[in-house]
């Protein structure tokens, strides 16, 4: 018997919450945007009116206003979004404990064999109506037999709607959609698929899976399975966290990064954040990725595989700088930088020894990092800092601008 999976998505979450606090925004195009003073002046969310005018998430404010001159800009209030997200999830929890968050505004619900939910479509519609009545927000709900298709369903019709994707209508509803609509297809995957002449989900489904494996590795097989309606991933219980696939941070400073000295300071601060998060979760990374954003706001990523897994701050910073030197000459400044650890393994996992590694020094570095973590945990993140960063504007700004990836 097929499972019954719902995917519920709060429509324009940030914008909808802001409208509750500012009813005068009703009917006007507006966008929730980051601080222009700190150069985070991009669109974080937009209402339906702005969306119809062509405003997109991630646009610079000036670009959005070119498309929609009457656009009103609203500052973000993340504590409000967290509060309303919790309120909506409390409603979900009344139907099932198998409720897995996907970001702040989306959740999967597994209502298979749930005695309180004999009719999945009626249950989805009841959830939709209750969220609107009890919170003032609207949700779109997808109903299907797996997580991937349920998410496609919630995106199919917005706002405030229920969409069912069943086996009978699966191909006619899904295969004509753009490949980018499917889970796992981000910007880089979409571009790579386009180079292969693949534009739609149906074209992914009809492609030889071994060809996709050759291009995307095991992720290519996952793409093929998803496009053919095959997904057996389970919905996790509330509070049950999925193991992280990566740990990273990115930052936009109040000024451009114009030379290697400034880049090194920024990279060191990013490495401190990423490494401390790895250590806190008892993880190490085998691969390091650097993301660089140009003045034209275009991101490029570069990565390298390490000889051995690490969680040491100085090593992450050096590997990051090595990637940066290989990919950027500072003939033009950088707007933003990011650092990410990938291929995560548990710190106590057995690993092949590297005969060229200085394990005595590595253990000393780990002891130093652990001591710094302990001091910062007790007295605050600013209680101990590296001498090379004292008095640097870069170091002052990053605490306010750092964004987890």
Protein backbone atom coordinates (compact mmCIF):
# COMPACT_ATOMS: atom_id res chain seq x y z
CA UNK A 1 0.00 0.00 0.00
CA UNK A 2 1.23 3.49 -0.86
CA UNK A 3 2.15 5.92 1.88
CA UNK A 4 0.23 9.16 2.29
CA UNK A 5 2.60 12.11 2.50
CA UNK A 6 1.68 15.79 2.77
CA UNK A 7 4.01 18.69 2.12
CA UNK A 8 2.82 22.00 3.54
CA UNK A 9 4.46 25.28 2.54
CA UNK A 10 3.67 28.63 4.17
CA UNK A 11 3.01 30.97 1.26
CA UNK A 12 5.53 33.85 1.08
CA UNK A 13 6.32 33.22 4.74
CA UNK A 14 8.37 36.31 5.61
CA UNK A 15 6.18 38.67 3.59
CA UNK A 16 2.96 37.16 4.95
CA UNK A 17 4.09 37.52 8.55
CA UNK A 18 5.15 41.14 7.98
CA UNK A 19 1.72 41.91 6.50
CA UNK A 20 0.09 40.70 9.73
CA UNK A 21 2.02 43.41 11.59
CA UNK A 22 1.47 46.02 8.86
CA UNK A 23 -2.05 45.59 7.41
CA UNK A 24 -1.53 48.74 5.32
CA UNK A 25 0.69 46.64 3.03
CA UNK A 26 -2.35 44.70 1.80
CA UNK A 27 -2.65 45.04 -1.96
CA UNK A 28 0.70 46.83 -2.33
CA UNK A 29 3.83 45.23 -3.82
CA UNK A 30 6.48 44.84 -1.12
CA UNK A 31 9.57 42.82 -0.33
CA UNK A 32 11.40 41.83 2.83
CA UNK A 33 15.02 42.85 2.27
CA UNK A 34 18.32 42.75 4.10
CA UNK A 35 20.16 45.81 5.36
CA UNK A 36 21.32 48.13 2.60
CA UNK A 37 23.81 49.79 4.97
CA UNK A 38 25.56 46.45 5.60
CA UNK A 39 25.28 45.64 1.86
CA UNK A 40 22.82 42.84 2.47
CA UNK A 41 20.37 44.73 0.26
CA UNK A 42 18.81 41.75 -1.46
CA UNK A 43 15.26 40.46 -1.62
CA UNK A 44 14.72 37.77 1.03
CA UNK A 45 11.00 37.36 0.29
CA UNK A 46 8.29 39.07 -1.72
CA UNK A 47 4.51 39.17 -1.74
CA UNK A 48 2.41 37.87 -4.64
CA UNK A 49 1.94 41.33 -6.16
CA UNK A 50 5.70 41.90 -6.34
CA UNK A 51 6.18 38.36 -7.63
CA UNK A 52 3.79 39.02 -10.52
CA UNK A 53 5.85 42.11 -11.37
CA UNK A 54 8.92 39.89 -11.80
CA UNK A 55 10.62 40.44 -8.44
CA UNK A 56 12.59 37.36 -7.40
CA UNK A 57 14.24 36.21 -4.20
CA UNK A 58 17.97 36.99 -4.26
CA UNK A 59 17.65 40.09 -6.42
CA UNK A 60 19.39 43.28 -5.38
CA UNK A 61 16.92 45.93 -4.23
CA UNK A 62 17.82 48.23 -7.14
CA UNK A 63 17.09 45.42 -9.60
CA UNK A 64 13.73 44.73 -7.95
CA UNK A 65 12.78 48.42 -8.12
CA UNK A 66 13.61 48.53 -11.82
CA UNK A 67 10.96 45.86 -12.35
CA UNK A 68 8.54 47.27 -9.78
CA UNK A 69 9.13 51.01 -9.14
CA UNK A 70 6.41 51.19 -6.48
CA UNK A 71 7.97 48.35 -4.46
CA UNK A 72 7.99 48.96 -0.70
CA UNK A 73 10.94 47.59 1.29
CA UNK A 74 10.37 46.05 4.72
CA UNK A 75 13.11 45.08 7.21
CA UNK A 76 13.22 41.42 8.29
CA UNK A 77 12.20 40.32 11.79
CA UNK A 78 13.40 36.74 12.15
CA UNK A 79 11.98 36.28 15.63
CA UNK A 80 8.50 36.82 14.19
CA UNK A 81 9.02 34.19 11.50
CA UNK A 82 10.26 31.68 14.06
CA UNK A 83 7.22 32.37 16.27
CA UNK A 84 4.69 31.85 13.46
CA UNK A 85 6.51 28.82 12.12
CA UNK A 86 6.19 27.21 15.56
CA UNK A 87 2.47 28.07 15.66
CA UNK A 88 1.87 26.38 12.30
CA UNK A 89 3.85 23.30 13.32
CA UNK A 90 1.74 22.98 16.45
CA UNK A 91 -1.25 22.56 14.15
CA UNK A 92 0.57 19.89 12.12
CA UNK A 93 1.47 18.04 15.33
CA UNK A 94 -2.23 17.50 16.08
CA UNK A 95 -2.42 15.19 13.06
CA UNK A 96 0.83 13.19 13.27
CA UNK A 97 4.14 13.03 15.11
CA UNK A 98 5.82 12.23 11.80
CA UNK A 99 6.33 15.89 10.93
CA UNK A 100 9.69 16.83 9.40
CA UNK A 101 10.60 20.53 8.99
CA UNK A 102 12.27 21.60 5.74
CA UNK A 103 13.46 25.11 6.43
CA UNK A 104 11.44 27.56 8.49
CA UNK A 105 8.33 27.52 6.26
CA UNK A 106 7.94 23.95 4.96
CA UNK A 107 7.15 20.58 6.52
CA UNK A 108 6.43 17.03 5.44
CA UNK A 109 3.71 15.08 7.28
CA UNK A 110 3.30 11.31 7.03
CA UNK A 111 -0.35 10.49 7.74
CA UNK A 112 -0.23 6.87 6.51
CA UNK A 113 -2.49 4.69 8.66
CA UNK A 114 -3.43 7.70 10.77
CA UNK A 115 -6.89 6.95 12.21
CA UNK A 116 -7.64 10.66 12.59
CA UNK A 117 -6.98 11.24 8.87
CA UNK A 118 -9.08 8.71 6.91
CA UNK A 119 -9.35 11.03 3.89
CA UNK A 120 -5.98 12.58 2.95
CA UNK A 121 -7.45 15.32 0.75
CA UNK A 122 -9.96 16.39 3.40
CA UNK A 123 -7.16 16.36 5.99
CA UNK A 124 -4.95 18.56 3.78
CA UNK A 125 -7.82 20.97 3.23
CA UNK A 126 -8.62 21.04 6.94
CA UNK A 127 -4.99 21.89 7.76
CA UNK A 128 -5.05 24.65 5.13
CA UNK A 129 -8.24 26.17 6.59
CA UNK A 130 -7.05 25.88 10.19
CA UNK A 131 -3.71 27.59 9.49
CA UNK A 132 -5.54 30.49 7.88
CA UNK A 133 -8.10 30.81 10.69
CA UNK A 134 -5.68 30.38 13.60
CA UNK A 135 -2.61 32.26 12.37
CA UNK A 136 -3.71 34.53 9.52
CA UNK A 137 -1.21 32.83 7.19
CA UNK A 138 -1.94 30.64 4.19
CA UNK A 139 -0.35 27.35 3.17
CA UNK A 140 -0.26 25.32 -0.01
CA UNK A 141 -0.39 21.56 0.57
CA UNK A 142 0.74 18.78 -1.75
CA UNK A 143 -0.60 15.24 -1.32
CA UNK A 144 1.20 12.24 -2.80
CA UNK A 145 2.79 8.88 -2.05
CA UNK A 146 6.32 10.19 -1.38
CA UNK A 147 8.16 13.30 -0.19
CA UNK A 148 9.48 14.44 -3.57
CA UNK A 149 6.07 14.42 -5.26
CA UNK A 150 4.30 15.91 -2.25
CA UNK A 151 6.70 18.87 -2.42
CA UNK A 152 6.04 19.25 -6.15
CA UNK A 153 2.35 19.26 -5.27
CA UNK A 154 2.67 22.11 -2.79
CA UNK A 155 4.51 24.14 -5.45
CA UNK A 156 1.99 23.26 -8.17
CA UNK A 157 -0.71 25.73 -7.18
CA UNK A 158 -0.23 28.76 -4.94
CA UNK A 159 -1.36 30.40 -2.75
CA UNK A 160 -3.78 28.72 -0.34
CA UNK A 161 -4.40 25.51 -2.27
CA UNK A 162 -4.35 21.71 -2.09
CA UNK A 163 -2.91 19.67 -4.98
CA UNK A 164 -3.02 15.89 -5.28
CA UNK A 165 -0.46 14.03 -7.39
CA UNK A 166 -1.58 10.40 -7.64
CA UNK A 167 -0.20 7.54 -9.69
CA UNK A 168 -2.90 7.87 -12.35
CA UNK A 169 -2.08 11.51 -13.14
CA UNK A 170 1.58 11.59 -12.10
CA UNK A 171 3.14 11.71 -15.57
CA UNK A 172 0.66 14.17 -17.06
CA UNK A 173 1.06 16.55 -14.10
CA UNK A 174 4.79 16.26 -13.42
CA UNK A 175 6.73 15.33 -16.53
CA UNK A 176 6.06 18.60 -18.30
CA UNK A 177 7.37 20.72 -15.41
CA UNK A 178 10.81 22.40 -15.61
CA UNK A 179 13.63 20.26 -14.24
CA UNK A 180 14.43 23.04 -11.75
CA UNK A 181 11.07 22.43 -10.00
CA UNK A 182 12.30 19.10 -8.68
CA UNK A 183 14.05 18.55 -5.36
CA UNK A 184 17.86 18.34 -5.73
CA UNK A 185 17.94 20.43 -8.91
CA UNK A 186 19.67 23.68 -7.96
CA UNK A 187 21.27 26.26 -10.21
CA UNK A 188 24.42 24.32 -11.07
CA UNK A 189 22.54 21.04 -11.66
CA UNK A 190 20.00 22.85 -13.83
CA UNK A 191 22.79 24.34 -15.95
CA UNK A 192 24.47 20.95 -16.32
CA UNK A 193 21.19 19.31 -17.31
CA UNK A 194 20.63 22.07 -19.88
CA UNK A 195 24.05 21.30 -21.39
CA UNK A 196 22.80 17.73 -21.82
CA UNK A 197 19.66 19.02 -23.57
CA UNK A 198 17.44 18.19 -20.58
CA UNK A 199 14.87 20.85 -19.70
CA UNK A 200 11.94 19.02 -18.08
CA UNK A 201 11.35 16.42 -15.38
CA UNK A 202 10.03 14.04 -18.04
CA UNK A 203 13.27 14.33 -19.99
CA UNK A 204 15.20 13.39 -16.84
CA UNK A 205 12.90 10.38 -16.41
CA UNK A 206 13.52 9.21 -19.98
CA UNK A 207 17.30 9.64 -19.83
CA UNK A 208 19.52 6.57 -19.40
CA UNK A 209 20.23 6.50 -15.63
CA UNK A 210 23.83 5.41 -16.28
CA UNK A 211 24.37 8.58 -18.32
CA UNK A 212 23.11 10.62 -15.37
CA UNK A 213 25.37 8.64 -13.02
CA UNK A 214 28.37 9.38 -15.24
CA UNK A 215 27.62 13.12 -15.09
CA UNK A 216 26.38 13.54 -11.48
CA UNK A 217 27.62 10.45 -9.62
CA UNK A 218 25.13 8.74 -7.31
CA UNK A 219 23.12 11.98 -7.30
CA UNK A 220 22.31 11.29 -10.96
CA UNK A 221 20.59 8.04 -10.03
CA UNK A 222 18.61 9.90 -7.36
CA UNK A 223 17.50 12.45 -9.98
CA UNK A 224 16.32 9.66 -12.28
CA UNK A 225 14.44 7.91 -9.48
CA UNK A 226 12.76 11.13 -8.34
CA UNK A 227 11.69 11.99 -11.90
CA UNK A 228 10.14 8.54 -12.19
CA UNK A 229 8.22 8.93 -8.94
CA UNK A 230 10.49 6.71 -6.86
CA UNK A 231 11.41 7.97 -3.39
CA UNK A 232 11.34 5.85 -0.26
CA UNK A 233 12.95 8.37 2.11
CA UNK A 234 11.07 8.48 5.39
CA UNK A 235 9.49 11.45 7.12
CA UNK A 236 11.37 12.03 10.35
CA UNK A 237 9.66 12.61 13.68
CA UNK A 238 9.53 16.09 15.13
CA UNK A 239 12.84 16.81 16.86
CA UNK A 240 14.67 14.02 15.04
CA UNK A 241 17.44 15.78 13.18
CA UNK A 242 18.83 14.56 9.88
CA UNK A 243 22.63 14.19 9.91
CA UNK A 244 24.15 17.28 8.26
CA UNK A 245 25.56 16.90 4.75
CA UNK A 246 27.77 19.96 5.09
CA UNK A 247 28.73 22.72 7.53
CA UNK A 248 29.37 26.19 6.13
CA UNK A 249 29.14 29.93 6.50
CA UNK A 250 29.07 32.82 4.06
CA UNK A 251 29.47 36.52 4.72
CA UNK A 252 28.90 39.87 3.05
CA UNK A 253 30.98 42.63 4.65
CA UNK A 254 30.24 46.33 4.78
CA UNK A 255 32.96 46.89 2.17
CA UNK A 256 34.43 44.92 -0.73
CA UNK A 257 37.29 42.48 -0.17
CA UNK A 258 39.98 44.10 -2.29
CA UNK A 259 43.21 42.21 -1.57
CA UNK A 260 44.59 38.95 -0.24
CA UNK A 261 45.22 40.37 3.24
CA UNK A 262 41.53 41.24 3.68
CA UNK A 263 40.56 37.89 2.17
CA UNK A 264 42.78 36.04 4.64
CA UNK A 265 41.19 37.84 7.60
CA UNK A 266 37.73 36.99 6.32
CA UNK A 267 38.69 33.38 5.57
CA UNK A 268 40.13 32.94 9.07
CA UNK A 269 36.93 34.18 10.67
CA UNK A 270 34.84 31.92 8.44
CA UNK A 271 37.13 28.99 9.30
CA UNK A 272 36.71 29.68 13.02
CA UNK A 273 32.94 29.53 12.64
CA UNK A 274 32.88 26.40 10.45
CA UNK A 275 35.51 24.52 12.47
CA UNK A 276 33.82 25.26 15.81
CA UNK A 277 30.50 24.01 14.43
CA UNK A 278 32.19 20.83 13.18
CA UNK A 279 33.78 20.23 16.59
CA UNK A 280 30.52 20.94 18.40
CA UNK A 281 28.88 18.14 16.38
CA UNK A 282 31.91 15.82 16.71
CA UNK A 283 32.46 15.93 12.94
CA UNK A 284 35.33 16.44 10.52
CA UNK A 285 35.29 17.20 6.79
CA UNK A 286 37.14 15.50 3.94
CA UNK A 287 36.36 18.23 1.37
CA UNK A 288 36.59 22.02 1.57
CA UNK A 289 34.60 24.36 -0.68
CA UNK A 290 35.06 28.09 -1.16
CA UNK A 291 32.30 30.30 -2.58
CA UNK A 292 33.24 33.68 -4.07
CA UNK A 293 30.76 36.38 -5.08
CA UNK A 294 31.78 39.06 -7.55
CA UNK A 295 30.78 42.73 -7.64
CA UNK A 296 28.18 41.64 -10.22
CA UNK A 297 26.68 39.40 -7.50
CA UNK A 298 27.58 36.16 -9.33
CA UNK A 299 28.60 33.21 -7.17
CA UNK A 300 31.33 30.73 -8.15
CA UNK A 301 32.36 27.74 -6.05
CA UNK A 302 35.63 25.81 -5.94
CA UNK A 303 36.44 22.73 -3.87
CA UNK A 304 39.27 20.35 -3.02
CA UNK A 305 39.44 16.94 -1.38
CA UNK A 306 41.78 16.74 1.60
CA UNK A 307 44.35 14.04 2.37
CA UNK A 308 42.65 13.45 5.72
CA UNK A 309 39.50 14.68 7.44
CA UNK A 310 39.94 17.76 9.64
CA UNK A 311 38.16 20.06 12.08
CA UNK A 312 41.17 22.30 12.75
CA UNK A 313 40.58 26.02 12.25
CA UNK A 314 43.98 26.88 10.81
CA UNK A 315 43.85 23.98 8.33
CA UNK A 316 40.44 24.98 7.02
CA UNK A 317 41.63 28.57 6.62
CA UNK A 318 44.77 27.51 4.72
CA UNK A 319 42.87 25.16 2.41
CA UNK A 320 40.34 27.92 1.78
CA UNK A 321 43.08 30.39 0.93
CA UNK A 322 44.72 27.87 -1.40
CA UNK A 323 41.47 27.55 -3.32
CA UNK A 324 41.01 31.32 -3.39
CA UNK A 325 44.52 31.91 -4.78
CA UNK A 326 43.90 29.34 -7.51
CA UNK A 327 40.64 30.93 -8.60
CA UNK A 328 40.86 34.70 -7.97
CA UNK A 329 43.58 37.25 -8.71
CA UNK A 330 42.01 40.38 -7.14
CA UNK A 331 42.06 42.21 -10.45
CA UNK A 332 38.48 42.83 -9.26
CA UNK A 333 37.21 42.88 -5.65
CA UNK A 334 34.95 40.32 -4.01
CA UNK A 335 31.52 41.21 -2.66
CA UNK A 336 31.10 38.10 -0.49
CA UNK A 337 32.92 34.94 0.57
CA UNK A 338 31.85 31.56 1.90
CA UNK A 339 33.54 28.46 3.31
CA UNK A 340 32.01 25.01 3.62
CA UNK A 341 33.11 21.59 4.88
CA UNK A 342 31.73 18.61 2.94
CA UNK A 343 32.01 14.80 3.08
CA UNK A 344 31.51 14.81 6.83
CA UNK A 345 32.68 11.95 9.04
CA UNK A 346 32.50 11.40 12.79
CA UNK A 347 35.62 12.54 14.60
CA UNK A 348 36.03 9.14 16.31
CA UNK A 349 35.66 7.19 13.05
CA UNK A 350 38.64 5.02 12.04
CA UNK A 351 40.67 6.50 9.21
CA UNK A 352 43.68 5.51 7.14
CA UNK A 353 46.81 7.13 8.57
CA UNK A 354 48.66 9.66 6.41
CA UNK A 355 52.39 8.99 6.61
CA UNK A 356 53.19 12.61 5.74
CA UNK A 357 50.94 14.20 8.37
CA UNK A 358 52.45 15.64 11.57
CA UNK A 359 50.00 14.12 14.04
CA UNK A 360 51.81 15.53 17.08
CA UNK A 361 51.28 19.08 15.80
CA UNK A 362 47.71 18.29 14.68
CA UNK A 363 46.82 17.10 18.17
CA UNK A 364 48.34 20.25 19.65
CA UNK A 365 46.24 22.38 17.30
CA UNK A 366 43.11 20.45 18.28
CA UNK A 367 43.87 21.03 21.95
CA UNK A 368 44.27 24.77 21.31
CA UNK A 369 41.00 24.90 19.35
CA UNK A 370 39.19 22.97 22.10
CA UNK A 371 40.48 25.41 24.73
CA UNK A 372 39.32 28.40 22.66
CA UNK A 373 35.89 26.78 22.20
CA UNK A 374 35.59 26.30 25.95
CA UNK A 375 36.51 29.92 26.74
CA UNK A 376 34.08 31.29 24.15
CA UNK A 377 31.31 29.01 25.36
CA UNK A 378 31.70 30.32 28.90
CA UNK A 379 32.52 34.00 28.34
CA UNK A 380 31.18 34.80 24.86
CA UNK A 381 32.45 34.73 21.28
CA UNK A 382 34.42 37.98 21.69
CA UNK A 383 36.23 36.91 24.85
CA UNK A 384 39.27 35.57 23.00
CA UNK A 385 40.47 36.56 19.53
CA UNK A 386 43.46 36.02 17.32
CA UNK A 387 46.07 38.78 17.55
CA UNK A 388 46.14 39.20 13.76
CA UNK A 389 42.46 40.20 13.82
CA UNK A 390 42.52 42.70 16.68
CA UNK A 391 41.22 46.09 15.57
CA UNK A 392 40.38 44.92 12.06
CA UNK A 393 37.06 46.22 10.64
CA UNK A 394 36.56 42.84 9.00
CA UNK A 395 36.55 41.16 12.38
CA UNK A 396 34.07 43.65 13.78
CA UNK A 397 31.56 43.21 10.97
CA UNK A 398 31.46 39.47 10.46
CA UNK A 399 29.69 38.70 13.72
CA UNK A 400 26.69 40.63 12.47
CA UNK A 401 26.76 39.43 8.87
CA UNK A 402 27.67 35.77 9.03
CA UNK A 403 24.96 33.58 7.54
CA UNK A 404 24.82 29.77 8.01
CA UNK A 405 24.53 27.94 4.68
